[in-house]
Amino acid sequence: MRRAGLLLSIVGLALVAVLLVPLGPAGGVSASVGPTASSTPVTGTVTYPSVVSLRATATLSFLAHGGPAFAANGTQVGNLSYYAAILGTNLSGVTLAPLAGRILGNTSDHATLSVSNISQTLTLNVMFSSVYQGQNESVNYSYTIAVVQPYVVAATIVNPTASTVLPFRVAVELDGTPVGSVLVPSLTPGAEYNLSFQYAVANLGSGTHTFSISLASEHGLVTFSGGATQYSQSFYIEGGAPNYTLWYALGIVAFVVVLFIFVTRVAARRRGAVRR
C-alpha cells in the first residue's frame, strides 16, 4: 500500500508539472518568436546630379529604410537592395555600374554614372526592395539628368617667388555667385599651372555672364599670367527667337477694322447713288 501511495504521489507531481508549463498561441509549448516586422513602409533616397557635363563621371548614392527588412525597433533583420536602370535616346558611351546593390543599416550604397559627348536628357529609374522571411515590399522612383555642354573658364597661375607654394584651392564665381572651386597643386619656383573649370547648368539666361577668380587670399605668393591676382572671363548667350504673336494679332485686328471701314463706305456710296 505504501508503495502504491508513493507511486500515485509521483504521478500527481508529474501531472502538476505538465500543467504548469506555459502554453503557446496554438495551445502547445511556447517557443521564441523572431523580431516583429516594421510597420513603416519602405522609402528610399537617391543622391544624384540633376545636370552633368559632357564626358563627365558622377557618383550616385542610394539609401533606404523601412519595410519587412526592418524590425519594429528599427533594427535591420532582412535584405534591403536597390536596382537601377538608365534610359536615354542614345546610350552609346553611357554607363551606370553597379546596377544593383545591398544597403546595410544607415550606410548608403554607391554607383558610378559615366556619360558621353551627346547632349540629352537621361532618365534614372530606381527600385528599392525590402525582403524578410518571404515578405517583399518595394518602391519605385524616377529622376531626370540633363547632359549638357558645360561653360568653361581657363587661366594660367604662376609662382613668381623663390619658394615652393603648397597646394591650395581657389573659388570660382559666376556673376558674383560661387559655383565651385579648383585645387591647385604644389608649385615650385617659376612653375605654372593651367587651371580649367567646367560649369554645367541646364538653363542659363540670355545675355552676358562673367566667370571670376581671385588669388587675393594667397597674399602675392602666386599670380595669374601677367602678374594680376584677379581674373575674369565673359561669354554671351543669345536670346530666344523673337515672339511675333502679339504683332500678328494686332495686324489681324487692324486689317479687320480697315476692311470694315472700307465695306461701310462702299455701301454708303451705293445707297447715295440709288437715291439720285
Protein backbone atom coordinates (compact mmCIF):
# COMPACT_ATOMS: atom_id res chain seq x y z
CA MET A 1 0.00 0.00 0.00
CA ARG A 2 2.78 2.39 0.86
CA ARG A 3 4.44 1.69 -2.50
CA ALA A 4 1.17 2.30 -4.34
CA GLY A 5 0.65 5.62 -2.50
CA LEU A 6 4.18 6.71 -3.28
CA LEU A 7 3.67 5.90 -6.96
CA LEU A 8 0.42 7.87 -7.06
CA SER A 9 2.18 10.84 -5.47
CA ILE A 10 4.91 10.78 -8.11
CA VAL A 11 2.36 10.61 -10.92
CA GLY A 12 0.44 13.51 -9.40
CA LEU A 13 3.53 15.69 -9.17
CA ALA A 14 4.32 14.93 -12.81
CA LEU A 15 0.80 15.98 -13.88
CA VAL A 16 1.13 19.23 -11.94
CA ALA A 17 4.48 19.96 -13.63
CA VAL A 18 2.97 19.41 -17.08
CA LEU A 19 0.02 21.67 -16.28
CA LEU A 20 2.35 24.41 -15.10
CA VAL A 21 4.23 24.55 -18.47
CA PRO A 22 3.14 27.77 -20.32
CA LEU A 23 1.16 27.19 -23.48
CA GLY A 24 1.88 28.89 -26.83
CA PRO A 25 -0.64 30.54 -29.13
CA ALA A 26 -1.85 27.21 -30.53
CA GLY A 27 -2.02 25.50 -27.16
CA GLY A 28 1.44 23.90 -27.46
CA VAL A 29 4.63 24.72 -25.63
CA SER A 30 5.67 28.36 -26.24
CA ALA A 31 8.70 28.99 -28.49
CA SER A 32 10.89 32.01 -29.03
CA VAL A 33 9.43 34.50 -31.56
CA GLY A 34 11.58 36.46 -34.06
CA PRO A 35 11.62 40.26 -34.23
CA THR A 36 8.35 41.90 -35.20
CA ALA A 37 8.43 43.32 -38.73
CA SER A 38 8.43 47.07 -39.09
CA SER A 39 5.11 48.73 -39.86
CA THR A 40 6.94 51.58 -41.63
CA PRO A 41 6.69 51.44 -45.44
CA VAL A 42 9.93 51.21 -47.37
CA THR A 43 11.23 54.57 -48.58
CA GLY A 44 14.39 55.49 -50.43
CA THR A 45 16.62 58.45 -51.21
CA VAL A 46 18.85 58.85 -54.25
CA THR A 47 21.57 61.49 -54.28
CA TYR A 48 22.39 62.34 -57.89
CA PRO A 49 23.41 65.33 -60.07
CA SER A 50 20.50 66.84 -61.97
CA VAL A 51 22.94 68.27 -64.54
CA VAL A 52 26.25 66.80 -65.73
CA SER A 53 28.80 67.91 -68.29
CA LEU A 54 29.57 66.07 -71.50
CA ARG A 55 32.03 63.20 -70.97
CA ALA A 56 31.71 63.58 -67.19
CA THR A 57 31.61 61.00 -64.40
CA ALA A 58 29.33 61.34 -61.37
CA THR A 59 28.72 59.34 -58.20
CA LEU A 60 25.19 58.34 -57.20
CA SER A 61 24.26 57.17 -53.70
CA PHE A 62 21.32 55.02 -52.62
CA LEU A 63 19.83 54.90 -49.12
CA ALA A 64 16.59 53.32 -47.95
CA HIS A 65 14.74 52.28 -44.80
CA GLY A 66 11.58 50.53 -43.69
CA GLY A 67 9.58 47.58 -44.94
CA PRO A 68 9.87 43.92 -43.84
CA ALA A 69 13.68 44.10 -43.69
CA PHE A 70 13.45 46.20 -40.52
CA ALA A 71 12.13 45.16 -37.12
CA ALA A 72 9.74 47.35 -35.16
CA ASN A 73 12.67 48.65 -33.09
CA GLY A 74 14.47 49.85 -36.25
CA THR A 75 16.98 47.01 -36.42
CA GLN A 76 17.67 45.65 -39.89
CA VAL A 77 16.83 41.95 -39.94
CA GLY A 78 16.40 41.31 -43.68
CA ASN A 79 17.77 42.33 -47.04
CA LEU A 80 17.42 45.85 -48.44
CA SER A 81 18.53 46.32 -52.04
CA TYR A 82 18.43 48.84 -54.85
CA TYR A 83 18.01 48.13 -58.56
CA ALA A 84 18.77 50.90 -61.07
CA ALA A 85 18.41 51.47 -64.81
CA ILE A 86 19.39 54.38 -67.04
CA LEU A 87 17.36 55.33 -70.14
CA GLY A 88 18.03 57.82 -72.93
CA THR A 89 17.72 58.48 -76.66
CA ASN A 90 21.35 57.47 -77.24
CA LEU A 91 23.06 55.30 -74.62
CA SER A 92 26.26 54.83 -76.60
CA GLY A 93 29.04 55.63 -74.14
CA VAL A 94 26.62 55.94 -71.20
CA THR A 95 27.19 53.51 -68.33
CA LEU A 96 25.88 53.03 -64.79
CA ALA A 97 27.57 50.49 -62.52
CA PRO A 98 26.76 48.60 -60.46
CA LEU A 99 23.08 48.35 -61.43
CA ALA A 100 22.17 46.66 -58.13
CA GLY A 101 23.50 46.59 -54.60
CA ARG A 102 22.77 45.90 -50.92
CA ILE A 103 22.07 48.62 -48.36
CA LEU A 104 23.13 47.92 -44.78
CA GLY A 105 21.66 49.94 -41.92
CA ASN A 106 22.12 53.66 -42.45
CA THR A 107 25.02 53.25 -44.88
CA SER A 108 24.50 54.30 -48.49
CA ASP A 109 25.50 52.17 -51.42
CA HIS A 110 27.03 53.87 -54.47
CA ALA A 111 27.15 53.63 -58.25
CA THR A 112 29.12 55.49 -60.91
CA LEU A 113 27.46 57.19 -63.88
CA SER A 114 29.57 57.99 -66.95
CA VAL A 115 28.10 59.96 -69.88
CA SER A 116 29.19 60.51 -73.47
CA ASN A 117 29.63 63.65 -75.55
CA ILE A 118 25.95 63.75 -76.58
CA SER A 119 23.66 66.38 -75.09
CA GLN A 120 20.44 64.72 -73.96
CA THR A 121 18.12 64.09 -71.04
CA LEU A 122 18.61 60.78 -69.25
CA THR A 123 16.04 59.03 -67.07
CA LEU A 124 17.21 57.24 -63.94
CA ASN A 125 14.79 54.59 -62.62
CA VAL A 126 15.44 53.12 -59.17
CA MET A 127 13.60 50.42 -57.22
CA PHE A 128 14.23 49.75 -53.53
CA SER A 129 13.26 46.27 -52.29
CA SER A 130 12.85 45.27 -48.62
CA VAL A 131 12.73 41.49 -48.02
CA TYR A 132 12.43 39.31 -44.91
CA GLN A 133 11.08 35.76 -44.36
CA GLY A 134 9.09 35.65 -47.60
CA GLN A 135 7.75 39.19 -47.24
CA ASN A 136 8.71 41.59 -50.02
CA GLU A 137 7.90 45.30 -50.29
CA SER A 138 9.27 47.66 -52.91
CA VAL A 139 9.05 51.30 -54.01
CA ASN A 140 10.00 52.92 -57.31
CA TYR A 141 11.46 56.34 -58.11
CA SER A 142 12.28 58.14 -61.36
CA TYR A 143 14.66 61.07 -61.90
CA THR A 144 15.91 63.10 -64.88
CA ILE A 145 19.55 64.01 -65.51
CA ALA A 146 20.44 66.61 -68.14
CA VAL A 147 23.69 66.07 -70.03
CA VAL A 148 24.81 69.48 -71.32
CA GLN A 149 27.72 71.30 -72.91
CA PRO A 150 29.49 72.96 -69.95
CA TYR A 151 30.67 76.56 -69.73
CA VAL A 152 34.44 76.64 -69.30
CA VAL A 153 36.81 79.14 -67.72
CA ALA A 154 40.58 78.70 -68.10
CA ALA A 155 43.56 80.63 -66.73
CA THR A 156 47.26 80.18 -66.06
CA ILE A 157 48.58 80.53 -62.50
CA VAL A 158 52.30 81.12 -61.96
CA ASN A 159 54.60 81.10 -58.95
CA PRO A 160 56.95 84.09 -59.33
CA THR A 161 58.56 83.62 -55.92
CA ALA A 162 61.71 81.74 -54.94
CA SER A 163 59.74 79.44 -52.61
CA THR A 164 57.54 76.40 -53.21
CA VAL A 165 53.83 77.10 -52.77
CA LEU A 166 51.82 74.32 -51.14
CA PRO A 167 48.53 73.10 -52.71
CA PHE A 168 45.57 75.47 -52.29
CA ARG A 169 42.00 75.93 -53.51
CA VAL A 170 40.65 78.86 -55.48
CA ALA A 171 36.94 79.67 -55.66
CA VAL A 172 35.22 80.25 -59.00
CA GLU A 173 32.29 82.66 -59.22
CA LEU A 174 29.76 83.20 -61.98
CA ASP A 175 28.11 86.62 -61.99
CA GLY A 176 29.24 87.08 -58.38
CA THR A 177 27.87 83.74 -57.12
CA PRO A 178 30.23 80.89 -56.08
CA VAL A 179 29.78 77.88 -58.40
CA GLY A 180 32.74 75.71 -57.41
CA SER A 181 36.44 75.57 -56.73
CA VAL A 182 39.66 74.18 -58.18
CA LEU A 183 42.51 72.53 -56.29
CA VAL A 184 45.83 73.95 -57.44
CA PRO A 185 48.75 71.56 -56.83
CA SER A 186 52.06 72.46 -55.25
CA LEU A 187 54.03 74.94 -57.38
CA THR A 188 57.81 75.12 -57.33
CA PRO A 189 59.54 78.47 -58.00
CA GLY A 190 58.73 79.65 -61.53
CA ALA A 191 56.23 76.83 -62.13
CA GLU A 192 52.90 77.30 -63.93
CA TYR A 193 49.50 75.60 -63.60
CA ASN A 194 46.85 75.69 -66.31
CA LEU A 195 43.60 75.99 -64.37
CA SER A 196 40.39 74.85 -66.05
CA PHE A 197 36.89 74.77 -64.56
CA GLN A 198 33.72 73.42 -66.15
CA TYR A 199 30.28 74.57 -65.03
CA ALA A 200 27.26 72.54 -66.12
CA VAL A 201 23.87 74.23 -65.96
CA ALA A 202 20.72 73.46 -67.91
CA ASN A 203 19.14 76.90 -68.24
CA LEU A 204 21.33 79.97 -68.05
CA GLY A 205 19.56 83.17 -69.06
CA SER A 206 20.45 85.09 -72.20
CA GLY A 207 22.90 87.98 -72.01
CA THR A 208 26.46 88.45 -70.81
CA HIS A 209 27.81 86.27 -67.98
CA THR A 210 31.19 86.52 -66.28
CA PHE A 211 33.41 83.99 -64.52
CA SER A 212 35.76 85.48 -61.93
CA ILE A 213 38.65 84.02 -59.93
CA SER A 214 40.65 85.74 -57.20
CA LEU A 215 44.09 84.92 -55.82
CA ALA A 216 44.00 87.70 -53.21
CA SER A 217 43.88 85.20 -50.35
CA GLU A 218 47.28 83.83 -51.41
CA HIS A 219 48.88 87.18 -50.47
CA GLY A 220 51.02 87.54 -53.57
CA LEU A 221 52.57 84.08 -53.44
CA VAL A 222 51.05 83.28 -56.83
CA THR A 223 49.55 85.37 -59.64
CA PHE A 224 47.86 84.87 -62.94
CA SER A 225 49.97 85.04 -66.07
CA GLY A 226 50.82 88.74 -66.43
CA GLY A 227 51.03 89.43 -62.69
CA ALA A 228 47.37 90.12 -61.80
CA THR A 229 45.64 88.49 -58.84
CA GLN A 230 42.13 88.88 -60.32
CA TYR A 231 40.93 87.13 -63.44
CA SER A 232 37.62 87.30 -65.29
CA GLN A 233 36.24 85.73 -68.43
CA SER A 234 32.91 86.69 -70.02
CA PHE A 235 30.67 84.93 -72.51
CA TYR A 236 27.40 85.83 -74.17
CA ILE A 237 24.27 83.72 -74.55
CA GLU A 238 21.95 84.54 -77.40
CA GLY A 239 18.32 85.17 -76.53
CA GLY A 240 15.50 83.08 -77.92
CA ALA A 241 13.79 83.81 -81.22
CA PRO A 242 11.54 86.90 -81.01
CA ASN A 243 7.87 86.24 -80.38
CA TYR A 244 5.76 87.97 -83.03
CA THR A 245 2.43 86.56 -81.86
CA LEU A 246 1.23 89.89 -80.42
CA TRP A 247 2.18 91.77 -83.60
CA TYR A 248 0.38 89.19 -85.72
CA ALA A 249 -2.75 89.60 -83.59
CA LEU A 250 -2.63 93.40 -83.82
CA GLY A 251 -2.16 93.20 -87.58
CA ILE A 252 -5.21 90.97 -87.95
CA VAL A 253 -7.31 93.35 -85.82
CA ALA A 254 -6.13 96.35 -87.85
CA PHE A 255 -6.93 94.55 -91.10
CA VAL A 256 -10.45 93.71 -89.91
CA VAL A 257 -11.04 97.34 -88.86
CA VAL A 258 -9.81 98.70 -92.20
CA LEU A 259 -11.91 96.15 -94.08
CA PHE A 260 -15.00 97.11 -92.05
CA ILE A 261 -14.49 100.83 -92.78
CA PHE A 262 -13.97 100.12 -96.50
CA VAL A 263 -17.12 97.97 -96.77
CA THR A 264 -19.15 100.56 -94.83
CA ARG A 265 -18.07 103.40 -97.13
CA VAL A 266 -18.76 101.40 -100.30
CA ALA A 267 -22.23 100.53 -99.05
CA ALA A 268 -22.91 104.18 -98.21
CA ARG A 269 -21.87 105.30 -101.69
CA ARG A 270 -24.15 102.71 -103.29
CA ARG A 271 -27.11 103.88 -101.22
CA GLY A 272 -26.42 107.50 -102.26
CA ALA A 273 -26.24 106.55 -105.93
CA VAL A 274 -29.61 104.78 -105.74
CA ARG A 275 -31.35 107.88 -104.22
CA ARG A 276 -30.31 110.05 -107.15
